[in-house]
Amino acid sequence: MRRRFKQVKPLKERLLEEAQNLREEAKLLPSGALRDAALLKARQVEAAAHMDDWLASPGPQPPKKNDTPGPR
């Protein structure tokens, strides 16, 4: 049986926290491949947070009856 648990924070919040942690970690590293990798991962995690917003959006909505121009 799988153990499941409820996430306390939404995915976007967890992703943005991880990106912030990676950026702070990168500040402590000297210039080089490890620092570049941490910054790249931070950008990827931020992109994932934005994708989560995009996927959760309702998308284009049809105009409502009162929003259409024309005679009343």
PDB file of N, CA and C in Angstrom:
ATOM      1  N   MET A   1       0.842  -1.182   0.000  1.00  0.00           N
ATOM      2  CA  MET A   1       0.000   0.000   0.000  1.00  0.00           C
ATOM      3  C   MET A   1       0.889   1.249   0.000  1.00  0.00           C
ATOM      4  N   ARG A   2       0.491   2.218  -0.798  1.00  0.00           N
ATOM      5  CA  ARG A   2       1.257   3.466  -0.883  1.00  0.00           C
ATOM      6  C   ARG A   2       0.944   4.370   0.290  1.00  0.00           C
ATOM      7  N   ARG A   3       1.983   4.984   0.764  1.00  0.00           N
ATOM      8  CA  ARG A   3       1.764   6.004   1.790  1.00  0.00           C
ATOM      9  C   ARG A   3       1.533   7.321   1.088  1.00  0.00           C
ATOM     10  N   ARG A   4       0.442   7.948   1.385  1.00  0.00           N
ATOM     11  CA  ARG A   4       0.124   9.241   0.793  1.00  0.00           C
ATOM     12  C   ARG A   4       0.000  10.274   1.890  1.00  0.00           C
ATOM     13  N   PHE A   5       0.383  11.475   1.568  1.00  0.00           N
ATOM     14  CA  PHE A   5       0.220  12.546   2.528  1.00  0.00           C
ATOM     15  C   PHE A   5      -0.189  13.798   1.794  1.00  0.00           C
ATOM     16  N   LYS A   6      -0.906  14.627   2.484  1.00  0.00           N
ATOM     17  CA  LYS A   6      -1.416  15.866   1.911  1.00  0.00           C
ATOM     18  C   LYS A   6      -0.324  16.919   1.994  1.00  0.00           C
ATOM     19  N   GLN A   7      -0.064  17.589   0.870  1.00  0.00           N
ATOM     20  CA  GLN A   7       0.900  18.674   0.871  1.00  0.00           C
ATOM     21  C   GLN A   7       0.288  19.874   1.583  1.00  0.00           C
ATOM     22  N   VAL A   8       1.062  20.496   2.439  1.00  0.00           N
ATOM     23  CA  VAL A   8       0.577  21.639   3.208  1.00  0.00           C
ATOM     24  C   VAL A   8       0.588  22.898   2.346  1.00  0.00           C
ATOM     25  N   LYS A   9       1.617  23.027   1.500  1.00  0.00           N
ATOM     26  CA  LYS A   9       1.760  24.217   0.662  1.00  0.00           C
ATOM     27  C   LYS A   9       1.418  23.861  -0.784  1.00  0.00           C
ATOM     28  N   PRO A  10       0.883  24.821  -1.529  1.00  0.00           N
ATOM     29  CA  PRO A  10       0.621  24.571  -2.950  1.00  0.00           C
ATOM     30  C   PRO A  10       1.927  24.354  -3.726  1.00  0.00           C
ATOM     31  N   LEU A  11       1.813  23.686  -4.867  1.00  0.00           N
ATOM     32  CA  LEU A  11       2.982  23.364  -5.677  1.00  0.00           C
ATOM     33  C   LEU A  11       3.767  24.611  -6.053  1.00  0.00           C
ATOM     34  N   LYS A  12       3.081  25.658  -6.490  1.00  0.00           N
ATOM     35  CA  LYS A  12       3.772  26.874  -6.912  1.00  0.00           C
ATOM     36  C   LYS A  12       4.631  27.431  -5.778  1.00  0.00           C
ATOM     37  N   GLU A  13       4.079  27.455  -4.579  1.00  0.00           N
ATOM     38  CA  GLU A  13       4.820  27.991  -3.430  1.00  0.00           C
ATOM     39  C   GLU A  13       6.053  27.140  -3.137  1.00  0.00           C
ATOM     40  N   ARG A  14       5.908  25.824  -3.200  1.00  0.00           N
ATOM     41  CA  ARG A  14       7.047  24.940  -2.949  1.00  0.00           C
ATOM     42  C   ARG A  14       8.124  25.120  -4.017  1.00  0.00           C
ATOM     43  N   LEU A  15       7.701  25.279  -5.273  1.00  0.00           N
ATOM     44  CA  LEU A  15       8.668  25.479  -6.349  1.00  0.00           C
ATOM     45  C   LEU A  15       9.424  26.791  -6.188  1.00  0.00           C
ATOM     46  N   LEU A  16       8.705  27.862  -5.867  1.00  0.00           N
ATOM     47  CA  LEU A  16       9.365  29.160  -5.704  1.00  0.00           C
ATOM     48  C   LEU A  16      10.311  29.166  -4.511  1.00  0.00           C
ATOM     49  N   GLU A  17       9.965  28.454  -3.450  1.00  0.00           N
ATOM     50  CA  GLU A  17      10.874  28.339  -2.298  1.00  0.00           C
ATOM     51  C   GLU A  17      12.148  27.591  -2.705  1.00  0.00           C
ATOM     52  N   GLU A  18      11.977  26.524  -3.483  1.00  0.00           N
ATOM     53  CA  GLU A  18      13.140  25.762  -3.937  1.00  0.00           C
ATOM     54  C   GLU A  18      14.039  26.632  -4.816  1.00  0.00           C
ATOM     55  N   ALA A  19      13.446  27.430  -5.696  1.00  0.00           N
ATOM     56  CA  ALA A  19      14.232  28.323  -6.547  1.00  0.00           C
ATOM     57  C   ALA A  19      15.005  29.321  -5.694  1.00  0.00           C
ATOM     58  N   GLN A  20      14.363  29.863  -4.680  1.00  0.00           N
ATOM     59  CA  GLN A  20      15.031  30.819  -3.795  1.00  0.00           C
ATOM     60  C   GLN A  20      16.197  30.150  -3.056  1.00  0.00           C
ATOM     61  N   ASN A  21      15.965  28.931  -2.578  1.00  0.00           N
ATOM     62  CA  ASN A  21      17.041  28.194  -1.895  1.00  0.00           C
ATOM     63  C   ASN A  21      18.222  27.952  -2.832  1.00  0.00           C
ATOM     64  N   LEU A  22      17.931  27.603  -4.084  1.00  0.00           N
ATOM     65  CA  LEU A  22      19.008  27.367  -5.047  1.00  0.00           C
ATOM     66  C   LEU A  22      19.782  28.643  -5.329  1.00  0.00           C
ATOM     67  N   ARG A  23      19.095  29.775  -5.422  1.00  0.00           N
ATOM     68  CA  ARG A  23      19.775  31.054  -5.669  1.00  0.00           C
ATOM     69  C   ARG A  23      20.663  31.430  -4.477  1.00  0.00           C
ATOM     70  N   GLU A  24      20.171  31.195  -3.256  1.00  0.00           N
ATOM     71  CA  GLU A  24      20.983  31.481  -2.069  1.00  0.00           C
ATOM     72  C   GLU A  24      22.207  30.572  -2.024  1.00  0.00           C
ATOM     73  N   GLU A  25      22.012  29.320  -2.394  1.00  0.00           N
ATOM     74  CA  GLU A  25      23.130  28.374  -2.436  1.00  0.00           C
ATOM     75  C   GLU A  25      24.158  28.817  -3.480  1.00  0.00           C
ATOM     76  N   ALA A  26      23.678  29.295  -4.622  1.00  0.00           N
ATOM     77  CA  ALA A  26      24.581  29.725  -5.695  1.00  0.00           C
ATOM     78  C   ALA A  26      25.416  30.929  -5.260  1.00  0.00           C
ATOM     79  N   LYS A  27      24.845  31.799  -4.425  1.00  0.00           N
ATOM     80  CA  LYS A  27      25.594  32.972  -3.942  1.00  0.00           C
ATOM     81  C   LYS A  27      26.819  32.561  -3.136  1.00  0.00           C
ATOM     82  N   LEU A  28      26.727  31.414  -2.469  1.00  0.00           N
ATOM     83  CA  LEU A  28      27.823  30.944  -1.625  1.00  0.00           C
ATOM     84  C   LEU A  28      28.902  30.210  -2.406  1.00  0.00           C
ATOM     85  N   LEU A  29      28.583  29.836  -3.654  1.00  0.00           N
ATOM     86  CA  LEU A  29      29.538  29.071  -4.455  1.00  0.00           C
ATOM     87  C   LEU A  29      30.435  30.006  -5.259  1.00  0.00           C
ATOM     88  N   PRO A  30      31.658  29.580  -5.493  1.00  0.00           N
ATOM     89  CA  PRO A  30      32.535  30.383  -6.363  1.00  0.00           C
ATOM     90  C   PRO A  30      32.055  30.258  -7.814  1.00  0.00           C
ATOM     91  N   SER A  31      32.451  31.218  -8.635  1.00  0.00           N
ATOM     92  CA  SER A  31      32.098  31.158 -10.054  1.00  0.00           C
ATOM     93  C   SER A  31      32.587  29.844 -10.636  1.00  0.00           C
ATOM     94  N   GLY A  32      31.745  29.250 -11.465  1.00  0.00           N
ATOM     95  CA  GLY A  32      32.139  27.985 -12.079  1.00  0.00           C
ATOM     96  C   GLY A  32      30.935  27.131 -12.408  1.00  0.00           C
ATOM     97  N   ALA A  33      31.210  25.888 -12.716  1.00  0.00           N
ATOM     98  CA  ALA A  33      30.174  24.971 -13.191  1.00  0.00           C
ATOM     99  C   ALA A  33      29.101  24.692 -12.135  1.00  0.00           C
ATOM    100  N   LEU A  34      29.498  24.536 -10.873  1.00  0.00           N
ATOM    101  CA  LEU A  34      28.508  24.237  -9.832  1.00  0.00           C
ATOM    102  C   LEU A  34      27.549  25.409  -9.629  1.00  0.00           C
ATOM    103  N   ARG A  35      28.102  26.604  -9.620  1.00  0.00           N
ATOM    104  CA  ARG A  35      27.257  27.802  -9.458  1.00  0.00           C
ATOM    105  C   ARG A  35      26.315  27.950 -10.655  1.00  0.00           C
ATOM    106  N   ASP A  36      26.852  27.769 -11.855  1.00  0.00           N
ATOM    107  CA  ASP A  36      26.031  27.866 -13.055  1.00  0.00           C
ATOM    108  C   ASP A  36      24.911  26.825 -13.042  1.00  0.00           C
ATOM    109  N   ALA A  37      25.223  25.626 -12.580  1.00  0.00           N
ATOM    110  CA  ALA A  37      24.222  24.564 -12.519  1.00  0.00           C
ATOM    111  C   ALA A  37      23.117  24.907 -11.518  1.00  0.00           C
ATOM    112  N   ALA A  38      23.479  25.487 -10.387  1.00  0.00           N
ATOM    113  CA  ALA A  38      22.481  25.869  -9.381  1.00  0.00           C
ATOM    114  C   ALA A  38      21.573  26.977  -9.920  1.00  0.00           C
ATOM    115  N   LEU A  39      22.152  27.945 -10.622  1.00  0.00           N
ATOM    116  CA  LEU A  39      21.343  29.027 -11.196  1.00  0.00           C
ATOM    117  C   LEU A  39      20.439  28.512 -12.313  1.00  0.00           C
ATOM    118  N   LEU A  40      20.945  27.583 -13.117  1.00  0.00           N
ATOM    119  CA  LEU A  40      20.131  26.984 -14.171  1.00  0.00           C
ATOM    120  C   LEU A  40      18.952  26.236 -13.568  1.00  0.00           C
ATOM    121  N   LYS A  41      19.228  25.461 -12.530  1.00  0.00           N
ATOM    122  CA  LYS A  41      18.155  24.705 -11.868  1.00  0.00           C
ATOM    123  C   LYS A  41      17.123  25.661 -11.269  1.00  0.00           C
ATOM    124  N   ALA A  42      17.567  26.778 -10.700  1.00  0.00           N
ATOM    125  CA  ALA A  42      16.641  27.770 -10.142  1.00  0.00           C
ATOM    126  C   ALA A  42      15.738  28.323 -11.236  1.00  0.00           C
ATOM    127  N   ARG A  43      16.305  28.627 -12.396  1.00  0.00           N
ATOM    128  CA  ARG A  43      15.487  29.135 -13.513  1.00  0.00           C
ATOM    129  C   ARG A  43      14.493  28.079 -13.986  1.00  0.00           C
ATOM    130  N   GLN A  44      14.920  26.826 -14.032  1.00  0.00           N
ATOM    131  CA  GLN A  44      14.027  25.749 -14.453  1.00  0.00           C
ATOM    132  C   GLN A  44      12.876  25.566 -13.470  1.00  0.00           C
ATOM    133  N   VAL A  45      13.178  25.660 -12.188  1.00  0.00           N
ATOM    134  CA  VAL A  45      12.139  25.501 -11.166  1.00  0.00           C
ATOM    135  C   VAL A  45      11.153  26.672 -11.238  1.00  0.00           C
ATOM    136  N   GLU A  46      11.662  27.888 -11.471  1.00  0.00           N
ATOM    137  CA  GLU A  46      10.769  29.043 -11.626  1.00  0.00           C
ATOM    138  C   GLU A  46       9.884  28.876 -12.858  1.00  0.00           C
ATOM    139  N   ALA A  47      10.445  28.351 -13.933  1.00  0.00           N
ATOM    140  CA  ALA A  47       9.655  28.109 -15.144  1.00  0.00           C
ATOM    141  C   ALA A  47       8.551  27.089 -14.851  1.00  0.00           C
ATOM    142  N   ALA A  48       8.874  26.079 -14.060  1.00  0.00           N
ATOM    143  CA  ALA A  48       7.866  25.078 -13.694  1.00  0.00           C
ATOM    144  C   ALA A  48       6.743  25.721 -12.879  1.00  0.00           C
ATOM    145  N   ALA A  49       7.076  26.665 -12.008  1.00  0.00           N
ATOM    146  CA  ALA A  49       6.051  27.356 -11.226  1.00  0.00           C
ATOM    147  C   ALA A  49       5.133  28.151 -12.143  1.00  0.00           C
ATOM    148  N   HIS A  50       5.703  28.803 -13.154  1.00  0.00           N
ATOM    149  CA  HIS A  50       4.888  29.562 -14.100  1.00  0.00           C
ATOM    150  C   HIS A  50       4.032  28.633 -14.958  1.00  0.00           C
ATOM    151  N   MET A  51       4.576  27.478 -15.311  1.00  0.00           N
ATOM    152  CA  MET A  51       3.791  26.496 -16.075  1.00  0.00           C
ATOM    153  C   MET A  51       2.619  25.986 -15.250  1.00  0.00           C
ATOM    154  N   ASP A  52       2.849  25.813 -13.949  1.00  0.00           N
ATOM    155  CA  ASP A  52       1.760  25.374 -13.074  1.00  0.00           C
ATOM    156  C   ASP A  52       0.632  26.399 -13.079  1.00  0.00           C
ATOM    157  N   ASP A  53       0.986  27.695 -13.032  1.00  0.00           N
ATOM    158  CA  ASP A  53      -0.028  28.750 -13.137  1.00  0.00           C
ATOM    159  C   ASP A  53      -0.778  28.648 -14.460  1.00  0.00           C
ATOM    160  N   TRP A  54      -0.011  28.479 -15.530  1.00  0.00           N
ATOM    161  CA  TRP A  54      -0.598  28.427 -16.862  1.00  0.00           C
ATOM    162  C   TRP A  54      -1.541  27.236 -16.993  1.00  0.00           C
ATOM    163  N   LEU A  55      -1.112  26.071 -16.496  1.00  0.00           N
ATOM    164  CA  LEU A  55      -1.951  24.878 -16.596  1.00  0.00           C
ATOM    165  C   LEU A  55      -3.205  24.982 -15.730  1.00  0.00           C
ATOM    166  N   ALA A  56      -3.127  25.711 -14.636  1.00  0.00           N
ATOM    167  CA  ALA A  56      -4.271  25.845 -13.739  1.00  0.00           C
ATOM    168  C   ALA A  56      -5.223  26.948 -14.183  1.00  0.00           C
ATOM    169  N   SER A  57      -4.815  27.769 -15.153  1.00  0.00           N
ATOM    170  CA  SER A  57      -5.674  28.876 -15.579  1.00  0.00           C
ATOM    171  C   SER A  57      -6.875  28.329 -16.353  1.00  0.00           C
ATOM    172  N   PRO A  58      -7.983  29.048 -16.319  1.00  0.00           N
ATOM    173  CA  PRO A  58      -9.182  28.568 -16.997  1.00  0.00           C
ATOM    174  C   PRO A  58      -9.113  28.719 -18.510  1.00  0.00           C
ATOM    175  N   GLY A  59      -8.136  29.438 -19.017  1.00  0.00           N
ATOM    176  CA  GLY A  59      -8.018  29.639 -20.454  1.00  0.00           C
ATOM    177  C   GLY A  59      -8.962  30.730 -20.928  1.00  0.00           C
ATOM    178  N   PRO A  60      -8.997  30.961 -22.226  1.00  0.00           N
ATOM    179  CA  PRO A  60      -9.892  31.990 -22.745  1.00  0.00           C
ATOM    180  C   PRO A  60     -11.349  31.640 -22.451  1.00  0.00           C
ATOM    181  N   GLN A  61     -12.076  32.613 -22.020  1.00  0.00           N
ATOM    182  CA  GLN A  61     -13.477  32.406 -21.693  1.00  0.00           C
ATOM    183  C   GLN A  61     -14.349  33.062 -22.764  1.00  0.00           C
ATOM    184  N   PRO A  62     -15.487  32.463 -23.096  1.00  0.00           N
ATOM    185  CA  PRO A  62     -16.377  33.096 -24.059  1.00  0.00           C
ATOM    186  C   PRO A  62     -16.956  34.371 -23.463  1.00  0.00           C
ATOM    187  N   PRO A  63     -17.312  35.344 -24.313  1.00  0.00           N
ATOM    188  CA  PRO A  63     -17.876  36.582 -23.774  1.00  0.00           C
ATOM    189  C   PRO A  63     -19.205  36.313 -23.078  1.00  0.00           C
ATOM    190  N   LYS A  64     -19.434  37.052 -22.048  1.00  0.00           N
ATOM    191  CA  LYS A  64     -20.702  36.933 -21.325  1.00  0.00           C
ATOM    192  C   LYS A  64     -21.771  37.704 -22.101  1.00  0.00           C
ATOM    193  N   LYS A  65     -23.020  37.432 -21.846  1.00  0.00           N
ATOM    194  CA  LYS A  65     -24.121  38.038 -22.584  1.00  0.00           C
ATOM    195  C   LYS A  65     -24.080  39.559 -22.510  1.00  0.00           C
ATOM    196  N   ASN A  66     -23.784  40.124 -21.362  1.00  0.00           N
ATOM    197  CA  ASN A  66     -23.780  41.572 -21.184  1.00  0.00           C
ATOM    198  C   ASN A  66     -22.487  42.224 -21.675  1.00  0.00           C
ATOM    199  N   ASP A  67     -21.470  41.426 -22.016  1.00  0.00           N
ATOM    200  CA  ASP A  67     -20.192  41.979 -22.465  1.00  0.00           C
ATOM    201  C   ASP A  67     -20.152  42.251 -23.959  1.00  0.00           C
ATOM    202  N   THR A  68     -21.100  41.742 -24.709  1.00  0.00           N
ATOM    203  CA  THR A  68     -21.073  41.907 -26.161  1.00  0.00           C
ATOM    204  C   THR A  68     -21.626  43.263 -26.549  1.00  0.00           C
ATOM    205  N   PRO A  69     -20.953  43.947 -27.480  1.00  0.00           N
ATOM    206  CA  PRO A  69     -21.473  45.254 -27.912  1.00  0.00           C
ATOM    207  C   PRO A  69     -22.715  45.072 -28.783  1.00  0.00           C
ATOM    208  N   GLY A  70     -23.515  46.086 -28.811  1.00  0.00           N
ATOM    209  CA  GLY A  70     -24.703  46.041 -29.656  1.00  0.00           C
ATOM    210  C   GLY A  70     -25.870  46.697 -28.974  1.00  0.00           C
ATOM    211  N   PRO A  71     -27.010  46.733 -29.659  1.00  0.00           N
ATOM    212  CA  PRO A  71     -28.193  47.365 -29.066  1.00  0.00           C
ATOM    213  C   PRO A  71     -28.688  46.598 -27.856  1.00  0.00           C
ATOM    214  N   ARG A  72     -29.269  47.334 -26.937  1.00  0.00           N
ATOM    215  CA  ARG A  72     -29.777  46.690 -25.726  1.00  0.00           C
ATOM    216  C   ARG A  72     -31.213  46.424 -25.813  1.00  0.00           C
TER     217      ARG A  72
END
